[in-house]
Amino acid sequence: MQRRARRAPGSGRRLLAAVVLAALVATACQAEGGPEPDPPPGSAEPTTASPTPDTELTFAVFGTGREVDAYESLVSVYNSLYDRAEMSIESYDSRREFIAAVRTTGQVPDVFLTAGRDLAWLQERQLVQPVDNLLIERGVDFGDLYSRDAVLAFSNEGRLQCMPVGISPMVIYYNTELVDFDRMEQRGLPVPEEERLTWSFEEFVAALEYASRPRRGTRGIQVEPTLEALSPFIYAAGGEIYDDPSDPTSLSFSDDATRAALETVLPVLRDPRLTLSDEQLERRSPLEWFQAGKLAMLPGYRDLTPTLREQPGLRFDTIAMPSIERSATVGDISGMCVSAETDNLTAAADFLVHMTSPVSVRRVAAEGYLVPANLEVAVGPGFRQPGLAPAHAAVFTNALRTIVLPPQLTSKEALEEALSESLDQLLTAPVLADLEGLTARIDERSREVLDPEGLAEEESPAETESP
């Protein structure tokens, strides 16, 4: 459900707010153990020039209440410092809700949070303003200080389209009482190395079998029948998802390497001894079973962390997706964009710099949902949060280098819908007798979405010349 948050008071206390913000910057940097940086844009000493009348701008975000509260606090700081514009905030419960609203209206707010998967669609409709020159003009370095994959995810046509904010690799959350590596080692079972950050497929399977105990009603893992959830396992086992990494016309499930990857992982991910039954899934979601202490592992992103922390008695940690032939995962990437139609590009760009500064990102990351794309913030205590679960939060930052970026597609939602039934059969059908036929159908269905014109040309009869 959309809500419009309160608008913070504006220009009357600009000098005082600048002093307060400078103090906040110093405090945050001292907590990180680093030197005091230059004040961020918008916090310079006020000039003697008379402010122009306020411009009304809108900022849209999606997320939980605590995430939105963090953004609201940063908007309040901006409004107290910036005389020439007043920013109001709109929030949505999820990325899906936000993009649905944009699809309905065809319009975006002046500045907005978005997911990397939606960039191609936004660009196709010319809704975003490239931000690279705007950032360079304001002295912002978005090179080595940021995750390379996050920058690539928001780049197109040689331009940075939006400023990266978050990049969370998919990892494995596990119940540390059901998966006790120390006890497994005592029993002679294969376990991860002492750091407990990465593991092999053999160690992963051993942990699943150790945690799946019929008498206690516990199961090992549940992988959703979606392209996103399957991708890390396929990539790790040496397969590929698309026939072309940048401009695909089909999935590549029927390719020999991908089919071999499926033959490696499916016997584990489909094993009824290790996974939830249909009856269990009708009663509760995989997340609810994990929260109840009956599911040992759950693939997920960083945004699961606060939800799991709130579950009384739940002890959990994180570890990377299992490595098979290689280490690989997928990422949940977010960034902030500027509307191509904003009425005040200068104010919108200044706001973008304010919201993506290290100080601001630390404020949002402190809520536990975000893996910052800013690498300096990501390795600091503001993100790692010593003393809070997961103990191995370094898994998220270590796994960044293993993210495989998908191609930028304008038809991602349609593709997911077209493949839904086939992927469900791939992972949950009681008997999978014809993997070759099913993977061929998956590729064919994907081509109906990704390359309908090419498919139509192949299916139409050849034209013959008239005598």
Protein backbone atom coordinates (compact mmCIF):
# COMPACT_ATOMS: atom_id res chain seq x y z
CA MET A 1 0.00 0.00 0.00
CA GLN A 2 1.36 3.41 -0.98
CA ARG A 3 1.70 6.09 1.67
CA ARG A 4 2.84 9.69 1.55
CA ALA A 5 5.14 10.51 4.41
CA ARG A 6 5.30 13.75 6.35
CA ARG A 7 7.19 16.63 4.77
CA ALA A 8 10.05 17.92 6.85
CA PRO A 9 10.32 21.63 7.69
CA GLY A 10 12.51 23.56 5.31
CA SER A 11 14.66 26.59 4.95
CA GLY A 12 14.33 28.54 8.20
CA ARG A 13 17.12 26.76 10.08
CA ARG A 14 19.62 26.15 7.25
CA LEU A 15 22.72 27.40 9.12
CA LEU A 16 21.96 25.35 12.24
CA ALA A 17 21.21 22.25 10.17
CA ALA A 18 24.51 22.60 8.30
CA VAL A 19 26.39 22.59 11.60
CA VAL A 20 24.39 19.57 12.81
CA LEU A 21 25.04 17.64 9.61
CA ALA A 22 28.78 18.38 9.83
CA ALA A 23 28.74 16.93 13.35
CA LEU A 24 26.88 13.84 12.12
CA VAL A 25 29.46 13.33 9.36
CA ALA A 26 32.31 13.57 11.87
CA THR A 27 30.62 11.15 14.28
CA ALA A 28 29.91 8.58 11.57
CA CYS A 29 33.49 8.74 10.28
CA GLN A 30 34.94 8.35 13.77
CA ALA A 31 32.74 5.26 14.25
CA GLU A 32 34.16 3.82 11.03
CA GLY A 33 37.71 4.61 12.13
CA GLY A 34 38.41 6.84 9.13
CA PRO A 35 39.32 10.52 8.65
CA GLU A 36 36.75 13.23 8.46
CA PRO A 37 35.70 13.77 4.83
CA ASP A 38 34.74 17.01 3.18
CA PRO A 39 31.15 18.03 3.86
CA PRO A 40 28.72 16.46 1.37
CA PRO A 41 26.97 18.63 -1.23
CA GLY A 42 24.33 20.76 0.37
CA SER A 43 26.20 21.15 3.67
CA ALA A 44 28.48 24.03 2.69
CA GLU A 45 28.30 27.32 4.53
CA PRO A 46 25.26 29.33 3.47
CA THR A 47 25.77 32.13 1.01
CA THR A 48 24.41 35.63 1.28
CA ALA A 49 22.30 35.17 -1.85
CA SER A 50 18.58 35.21 -1.30
CA PRO A 51 16.98 31.80 -1.79
CA THR A 52 14.66 31.34 -4.72
CA PRO A 53 11.14 30.07 -4.10
CA ASP A 54 10.87 26.39 -3.20
CA THR A 55 10.32 23.77 -5.88
CA GLU A 56 8.15 20.80 -4.96
CA LEU A 57 9.93 17.52 -5.73
CA THR A 58 9.01 13.93 -4.97
CA PHE A 59 11.17 10.99 -3.89
CA ALA A 60 9.85 7.41 -4.10
CA VAL A 61 11.18 4.39 -2.20
CA PHE A 62 10.02 0.87 -1.47
CA GLY A 63 10.70 -1.35 1.51
CA THR A 64 9.71 -2.02 5.09
CA GLY A 65 8.64 0.54 7.62
CA ARG A 66 12.09 0.82 9.18
CA GLU A 67 13.76 1.25 5.81
CA VAL A 68 11.33 4.00 4.87
CA ASP A 69 11.84 5.67 8.25
CA ALA A 70 15.58 5.80 7.55
CA TYR A 71 14.96 7.43 4.18
CA GLU A 72 12.51 9.87 5.78
CA SER A 73 15.15 11.00 8.26
CA LEU A 74 17.57 11.68 5.40
CA VAL A 75 14.93 13.60 3.47
CA SER A 76 14.37 15.74 6.56
CA VAL A 77 18.07 16.61 6.66
CA TYR A 78 18.02 17.55 2.97
CA ASN A 79 14.97 19.75 3.39
CA SER A 80 16.53 21.54 6.33
CA LEU A 81 19.68 22.29 4.33
CA TYR A 82 18.39 23.05 0.85
CA ASP A 83 16.50 26.29 0.27
CA ARG A 84 15.68 25.88 -3.40
CA ALA A 85 13.57 22.74 -3.27
CA GLU A 86 11.33 20.85 -0.87
CA MET A 87 11.34 17.07 -1.16
CA SER A 88 8.37 14.92 -0.18
CA ILE A 89 8.53 11.15 0.04
CA GLU A 90 6.26 8.44 -1.31
CA SER A 91 6.74 4.85 -0.17
CA TYR A 92 5.65 1.47 -1.45
CA ASP A 93 5.68 -1.88 0.30
CA SER A 94 7.68 -3.58 -2.44
CA ARG A 95 9.52 -3.13 -5.67
CA ARG A 96 6.66 -4.87 -7.49
CA GLU A 97 4.14 -2.40 -6.12
CA PHE A 98 6.25 0.57 -7.13
CA ILE A 99 6.93 -0.59 -10.67
CA ALA A 100 3.26 -1.52 -11.10
CA ALA A 101 2.33 2.06 -10.24
CA VAL A 102 4.85 3.37 -12.76
CA ARG A 103 3.56 1.03 -15.45
CA THR A 104 0.03 2.26 -14.80
CA THR A 105 0.79 5.97 -14.91
CA GLY A 106 3.80 6.04 -17.22
CA GLN A 107 5.41 8.57 -14.89
CA VAL A 108 8.12 8.46 -12.24
CA PRO A 109 8.89 10.80 -9.31
CA ASP A 110 11.75 13.29 -9.57
CA VAL A 111 14.11 10.88 -7.79
CA PHE A 112 13.30 7.25 -7.07
CA LEU A 113 14.70 3.96 -5.86
CA THR A 114 14.55 1.13 -8.38
CA ALA A 115 15.82 -2.40 -8.97
CA GLY A 116 18.43 -3.24 -11.56
CA ARG A 117 16.02 -5.63 -13.26
CA ASP A 118 13.71 -2.71 -14.12
CA LEU A 119 16.30 -0.43 -15.73
CA ALA A 120 15.79 -1.70 -19.31
CA TRP A 121 12.05 -1.12 -19.10
CA LEU A 122 12.53 2.39 -17.67
CA GLN A 123 15.05 3.27 -20.33
CA GLU A 124 12.90 1.95 -23.15
CA ARG A 125 10.28 4.51 -22.11
CA GLN A 126 12.89 7.25 -21.64
CA LEU A 127 11.93 7.77 -18.01
CA VAL A 128 15.43 8.17 -16.55
CA GLN A 129 18.06 10.88 -16.80
CA PRO A 130 21.68 9.59 -16.98
CA VAL A 131 23.48 10.64 -13.83
CA ASP A 132 27.18 10.22 -14.60
CA ASN A 133 27.80 13.82 -15.64
CA LEU A 134 25.65 15.12 -12.80
CA LEU A 135 27.77 13.16 -10.31
CA ILE A 136 31.08 14.16 -11.88
CA GLU A 137 30.07 17.84 -11.72
CA ARG A 138 29.52 17.36 -7.98
CA GLY A 139 32.81 15.59 -7.38
CA VAL A 140 31.35 12.13 -6.75
CA ASP A 141 33.62 9.16 -7.49
CA PHE A 142 31.54 6.18 -8.61
CA GLY A 143 34.53 4.17 -9.82
CA ASP A 144 36.69 2.08 -7.50
CA LEU A 145 34.64 2.98 -4.42
CA TYR A 146 31.64 1.06 -5.73
CA SER A 147 30.92 -2.54 -6.59
CA ARG A 148 31.79 -3.04 -10.24
CA ASP A 149 28.74 -5.24 -10.79
CA ALA A 150 26.45 -2.63 -9.26
CA VAL A 151 27.84 0.03 -11.59
CA LEU A 152 27.49 -2.28 -14.60
CA ALA A 153 23.92 -3.16 -13.64
CA PHE A 154 22.94 0.50 -13.88
CA SER A 155 24.98 1.34 -16.97
CA ASN A 156 23.80 1.33 -20.53
CA GLU A 157 24.85 2.95 -23.80
CA GLY A 158 28.15 4.00 -22.22
CA ARG A 159 26.42 6.04 -19.49
CA LEU A 160 25.66 5.50 -15.81
CA GLN A 161 21.88 5.66 -15.79
CA CYS A 162 21.29 5.50 -12.02
CA MET A 163 23.48 5.65 -8.93
CA PRO A 164 24.02 2.22 -7.30
CA VAL A 165 22.85 1.96 -3.70
CA GLY A 166 22.66 -1.72 -2.74
CA ILE A 167 23.91 -5.05 -4.07
CA SER A 168 23.07 -8.19 -2.15
CA PRO A 169 24.26 -11.56 -3.40
CA MET A 170 21.96 -14.51 -2.82
CA VAL A 171 23.40 -16.61 0.02
CA ILE A 172 22.28 -19.53 2.16
CA TYR A 173 20.71 -18.73 5.53
CA TYR A 174 21.01 -21.73 7.83
CA ASN A 175 19.74 -22.72 11.27
CA THR A 176 22.84 -23.21 13.41
CA GLU A 177 21.09 -25.70 15.67
CA LEU A 178 20.02 -27.94 12.79
CA VAL A 179 23.31 -27.49 10.93
CA ASP A 180 26.01 -27.87 13.58
CA PHE A 181 29.32 -27.97 11.73
CA ASP A 182 31.33 -28.82 14.85
CA ARG A 183 29.25 -31.92 15.58
CA MET A 184 29.30 -32.91 11.92
CA GLU A 185 33.08 -32.72 11.94
CA GLN A 186 33.24 -34.90 15.04
CA ARG A 187 31.23 -37.52 13.15
CA GLY A 188 33.66 -37.45 10.26
CA LEU A 189 31.29 -35.65 7.88
CA PRO A 190 32.63 -33.14 5.33
CA VAL A 191 32.28 -29.57 6.61
CA PRO A 192 33.36 -26.10 5.41
CA GLU A 193 36.76 -24.70 6.32
CA GLU A 194 37.15 -23.06 9.71
CA GLU A 195 36.08 -19.60 8.49
CA ARG A 196 32.64 -21.04 7.54
CA LEU A 197 32.30 -18.58 4.64
CA THR A 198 32.23 -20.92 1.62
CA TRP A 199 31.60 -24.61 1.01
CA SER A 200 31.56 -27.28 -1.65
CA PHE A 201 28.52 -29.07 -3.02
CA GLU A 202 29.56 -32.21 -1.12
CA GLU A 203 29.60 -30.28 2.15
CA PHE A 204 26.29 -28.68 1.30
CA VAL A 205 24.64 -32.06 0.67
CA ALA A 206 26.14 -33.54 3.84
CA ALA A 207 24.63 -30.66 5.85
CA LEU A 208 21.23 -31.17 4.22
CA GLU A 209 21.22 -34.85 5.08
CA TYR A 210 22.43 -34.17 8.63
CA ALA A 211 19.65 -31.62 9.22
CA SER A 212 16.80 -33.65 7.67
CA ARG A 213 15.48 -35.78 10.51
CA PRO A 214 12.04 -37.36 10.11
CA ARG A 215 11.57 -37.94 13.85
CA ARG A 216 12.05 -34.24 14.55
CA GLY A 217 10.05 -33.19 11.50
CA THR A 218 12.91 -31.18 10.03
CA ARG A 219 13.87 -30.80 6.38
CA GLY A 220 16.99 -29.53 4.72
CA ILE A 221 16.13 -26.87 2.13
CA GLN A 222 13.44 -25.44 -0.12
CA VAL A 223 14.35 -23.77 -3.42
CA GLU A 224 11.52 -21.87 -5.07
CA PRO A 225 10.70 -22.97 -8.65
CA THR A 226 11.81 -19.70 -10.21
CA LEU A 227 14.54 -18.73 -12.63
CA GLU A 228 16.11 -16.49 -10.00
CA ALA A 229 16.31 -19.20 -7.34
CA LEU A 230 17.63 -21.89 -9.71
CA SER A 231 20.25 -19.69 -11.38
CA PRO A 232 23.00 -19.85 -8.71
CA PHE A 233 22.94 -23.66 -8.72
CA ILE A 234 23.02 -23.86 -12.53
CA TYR A 235 25.83 -21.31 -12.83
CA ALA A 236 27.84 -23.03 -10.08
CA ALA A 237 27.51 -26.40 -11.82
CA GLY A 238 28.90 -25.00 -15.08
CA GLY A 239 25.68 -24.21 -16.91
CA GLU A 240 24.31 -20.99 -18.38
CA ILE A 241 20.84 -19.46 -18.16
CA TYR A 242 20.69 -17.47 -21.44
CA ASP A 243 21.98 -18.27 -24.91
CA ASP A 244 23.65 -14.84 -24.98
CA PRO A 245 24.81 -12.91 -21.90
CA SER A 246 23.81 -9.49 -23.26
CA ASP A 247 21.16 -9.96 -25.97
CA PRO A 248 19.47 -13.34 -25.47
CA THR A 249 16.88 -14.84 -27.76
CA SER A 250 16.26 -17.88 -25.57
CA LEU A 251 17.18 -19.64 -22.36
CA SER A 252 19.84 -22.32 -22.72
CA PHE A 253 18.37 -25.08 -20.55
CA SER A 254 18.60 -27.62 -23.38
CA ASP A 255 22.29 -26.86 -23.91
CA ASP A 256 24.48 -29.83 -22.97
CA ALA A 257 26.34 -27.97 -20.22
CA THR A 258 23.18 -26.60 -18.61
CA ARG A 259 21.39 -29.94 -18.80
CA ALA A 260 24.43 -31.57 -17.17
CA ALA A 261 24.29 -28.93 -14.44
CA LEU A 262 20.62 -29.74 -13.84
CA GLU A 263 21.42 -33.43 -13.67
CA THR A 264 23.87 -32.60 -10.88
CA VAL A 265 21.68 -30.35 -8.72
CA LEU A 266 18.12 -31.55 -9.29
CA PRO A 267 18.50 -34.91 -7.52
CA VAL A 268 19.30 -32.91 -4.37
CA LEU A 269 16.90 -29.99 -4.78
CA ARG A 270 14.01 -32.37 -5.63
CA ASP A 271 14.76 -35.02 -2.99
CA PRO A 272 11.56 -35.51 -0.92
CA ARG A 273 13.68 -36.54 2.07
CA LEU A 274 15.43 -33.18 2.07
CA THR A 275 12.68 -30.79 0.94
CA LEU A 276 9.24 -29.71 2.14
CA SER A 277 6.25 -31.71 1.00
CA ASP A 278 3.30 -30.24 -0.90
CA GLU A 279 1.21 -30.59 2.24
CA GLN A 280 3.75 -28.64 4.28
CA LEU A 281 3.95 -25.92 1.66
CA GLU A 282 0.17 -25.57 1.73
CA ARG A 283 0.32 -24.95 5.47
CA ARG A 284 3.28 -22.58 5.62
CA SER A 285 5.74 -20.81 3.36
CA PRO A 286 9.42 -21.87 3.34
CA LEU A 287 10.25 -18.72 5.31
CA GLU A 288 7.69 -19.61 7.97
CA TRP A 289 9.09 -23.14 8.26
CA PHE A 290 12.57 -21.67 8.64
CA GLN A 291 11.35 -19.28 11.32
CA ALA A 292 9.70 -22.19 13.12
CA GLY A 293 13.02 -24.04 13.26
CA LYS A 294 11.87 -26.87 10.99
CA LEU A 295 13.73 -25.93 7.80
CA ALA A 296 17.51 -25.97 7.98
CA MET A 297 18.41 -23.76 5.00
CA LEU A 298 16.83 -21.00 2.97
CA PRO A 299 18.42 -19.17 0.02
CA GLY A 300 17.88 -15.43 0.30
CA TYR A 301 19.19 -11.89 0.19
CA ARG A 302 20.27 -9.51 2.95
CA ASP A 303 16.74 -8.14 3.37
CA LEU A 304 15.78 -11.37 5.17
CA THR A 305 18.09 -10.54 8.07
CA PRO A 306 15.89 -8.15 10.12
CA THR A 307 12.88 -10.48 9.78
CA LEU A 308 14.87 -13.43 11.09
CA ARG A 309 16.35 -11.37 13.93
CA GLU A 310 12.85 -10.69 15.18
CA GLN A 311 12.00 -14.40 15.49
CA PRO A 312 12.33 -15.43 19.17
CA GLY A 313 14.72 -18.30 19.76
CA LEU A 314 15.90 -18.59 16.15
CA ARG A 315 19.66 -19.03 15.81
CA PHE A 316 20.90 -18.51 12.28
CA ASP A 317 23.94 -17.62 10.22
CA THR A 318 24.85 -17.21 6.55
CA ILE A 319 27.19 -18.96 4.16
CA ALA A 320 27.81 -18.61 0.42
CA MET A 321 25.91 -20.58 -2.19
CA PRO A 322 27.65 -23.95 -2.63
CA SER A 323 30.48 -24.13 -5.13
CA ILE A 324 30.39 -26.99 -7.64
CA GLU A 325 32.54 -26.36 -10.71
CA ARG A 326 32.81 -22.69 -9.76
CA SER A 327 31.53 -20.21 -7.21
CA ALA A 328 28.51 -18.29 -8.49
CA THR A 329 25.40 -16.51 -7.35
CA VAL A 330 22.91 -13.85 -8.43
CA GLY A 331 22.34 -10.41 -6.95
CA ASP A 332 19.53 -8.15 -5.79
CA ILE A 333 20.71 -4.73 -6.97
CA SER A 334 19.13 -1.36 -6.24
CA GLY A 335 19.91 2.18 -7.29
CA MET A 336 18.57 5.72 -7.31
CA CYS A 337 17.47 7.35 -10.54
CA VAL A 338 16.58 10.87 -11.61
CA SER A 339 13.50 11.42 -13.74
CA ALA A 340 14.06 12.59 -17.29
CA GLU A 341 11.16 15.00 -16.77
CA THR A 342 12.08 16.53 -13.41
CA ASP A 343 11.28 20.23 -13.12
CA ASN A 344 14.50 20.99 -11.22
CA LEU A 345 17.42 18.86 -12.39
CA THR A 346 19.91 20.73 -10.20
CA ALA A 347 17.95 20.11 -7.02
CA ALA A 348 17.22 16.50 -7.97
CA ALA A 349 20.92 15.85 -8.62
CA ASP A 350 21.91 17.48 -5.33
CA PHE A 351 19.37 15.31 -3.55
CA LEU A 352 20.75 12.19 -5.29
CA VAL A 353 24.25 13.00 -4.05
CA HIS A 354 22.94 13.60 -0.53
CA MET A 355 21.03 10.29 -0.44
CA THR A 356 23.89 8.19 -1.83
CA SER A 357 26.67 9.74 0.26
CA PRO A 358 28.50 7.36 2.66
CA VAL A 359 26.87 9.02 5.66
CA SER A 360 23.37 8.50 4.24
CA VAL A 361 24.04 4.93 3.12
CA ARG A 362 25.34 4.06 6.60
CA ARG A 363 22.05 5.31 8.04
CA VAL A 364 20.01 3.01 5.79
CA ALA A 365 22.41 0.05 6.15
CA ALA A 366 22.09 0.26 9.93
CA GLU A 367 18.56 -1.12 9.62
CA GLY A 368 20.02 -4.42 8.40
CA TYR A 369 18.29 -4.75 5.01
CA LEU A 370 20.94 -3.34 2.69
CA VAL A 371 24.33 -4.52 1.43
CA PRO A 372 25.84 -1.16 0.39
CA ALA A 373 27.19 -0.84 -3.13
CA ASN A 374 29.67 1.60 -1.63
CA LEU A 375 32.51 -0.77 -0.71
CA GLU A 376 33.91 1.42 2.06
CA VAL A 377 30.58 1.36 3.86
CA ALA A 378 30.09 -2.35 3.18
CA VAL A 379 33.27 -3.36 5.05
CA GLY A 380 32.57 -1.14 8.06
CA PRO A 381 30.78 -1.96 11.31
CA GLY A 382 27.68 -0.07 10.18
CA PHE A 383 26.95 -2.95 7.83
CA ARG A 384 28.67 -5.89 9.54
CA GLN A 385 27.02 -5.08 12.89
CA PRO A 386 29.21 -7.13 15.25
CA GLY A 387 27.22 -8.91 17.94
CA LEU A 388 24.14 -9.34 15.75
CA ALA A 389 23.21 -12.30 13.58
CA PRO A 390 24.42 -13.35 11.13
CA ALA A 391 27.88 -13.72 12.64
CA HIS A 392 29.36 -14.23 9.18
CA ALA A 393 28.00 -11.08 7.55
CA ALA A 394 31.27 -10.96 5.59
CA VAL A 395 29.71 -13.67 3.40
CA PHE A 396 27.68 -10.96 1.64
CA THR A 397 30.65 -8.79 0.70
CA ASN A 398 32.91 -11.74 -0.10
CA ALA A 399 30.32 -13.18 -2.49
CA LEU A 400 30.02 -9.95 -4.50
CA ARG A 401 32.78 -11.07 -6.88
CA THR A 402 30.83 -14.25 -7.73
CA ILE A 403 27.63 -12.49 -8.88
CA VAL A 404 26.62 -13.30 -12.45
CA LEU A 405 24.70 -10.36 -13.89
CA PRO A 406 21.68 -11.22 -16.05
CA PRO A 407 21.06 -9.39 -19.32
CA GLN A 408 18.94 -6.25 -19.14
CA LEU A 409 15.50 -7.34 -20.30
CA THR A 410 12.35 -5.34 -20.84
CA SER A 411 10.27 -8.52 -20.63
CA LYS A 412 11.43 -10.02 -17.31
CA GLU A 413 7.96 -10.23 -15.81
CA ALA A 414 6.50 -11.86 -18.94
CA LEU A 415 9.37 -14.35 -19.02
CA GLU A 416 8.80 -15.39 -15.41
CA GLU A 417 5.10 -15.89 -16.10
CA ALA A 418 5.72 -17.93 -19.26
CA LEU A 419 8.13 -20.26 -17.45
CA SER A 420 6.21 -20.63 -14.20
CA GLU A 421 4.51 -23.95 -14.93
CA SER A 422 7.56 -25.60 -16.50
CA LEU A 423 9.91 -24.59 -13.71
CA ASP A 424 7.41 -25.82 -11.15
CA GLN A 425 7.38 -29.17 -12.91
CA LEU A 426 11.19 -29.18 -13.03
CA LEU A 427 11.49 -28.84 -9.26
CA THR A 428 8.33 -30.32 -7.79
CA ALA A 429 6.81 -32.93 -10.14
CA PRO A 430 6.77 -36.34 -8.39
CA VAL A 431 8.48 -37.95 -11.39
CA LEU A 432 10.80 -36.21 -13.83
CA ALA A 433 11.01 -38.79 -16.58
CA ASP A 434 11.97 -36.60 -19.54
CA LEU A 435 14.45 -33.90 -18.58
CA GLU A 436 15.54 -33.47 -22.18
CA GLY A 437 11.99 -32.80 -23.36
CA LEU A 438 11.20 -30.46 -20.49
CA THR A 439 14.33 -28.35 -20.96
CA ALA A 440 13.56 -28.07 -24.68
CA ARG A 441 10.05 -26.83 -23.85
CA ILE A 442 11.48 -24.31 -21.37
CA ASP A 443 13.75 -22.89 -24.06
CA GLU A 444 10.88 -22.80 -26.56
CA ARG A 445 8.60 -20.96 -24.14
CA SER A 446 11.34 -18.48 -23.34
CA ARG A 447 11.85 -17.74 -27.02
CA GLU A 448 8.17 -16.85 -27.36
CA VAL A 449 8.94 -13.95 -25.01
CA LEU A 450 12.53 -13.08 -25.87
CA ASP A 451 12.45 -13.52 -29.66
CA PRO A 452 8.84 -13.72 -30.90
CA GLU A 453 9.66 -12.23 -34.30
CA GLY A 454 12.45 -14.69 -35.00
CA LEU A 455 10.26 -17.58 -33.89
CA ALA A 456 7.40 -16.41 -36.13
CA GLU A 457 9.70 -16.19 -39.14
CA GLU A 458 10.86 -19.77 -38.59
CA GLU A 459 7.32 -21.06 -38.21
CA SER A 460 5.87 -19.25 -41.24
CA PRO A 461 5.98 -21.06 -44.58
CA ALA A 462 8.65 -19.89 -46.99
CA GLU A 463 7.41 -17.43 -49.57
CA THR A 464 7.62 -18.59 -53.15
CA GLU A 465 8.01 -16.36 -56.15
CA SER A 466 5.05 -16.06 -58.51
CA PRO A 467 5.68 -17.23 -62.04
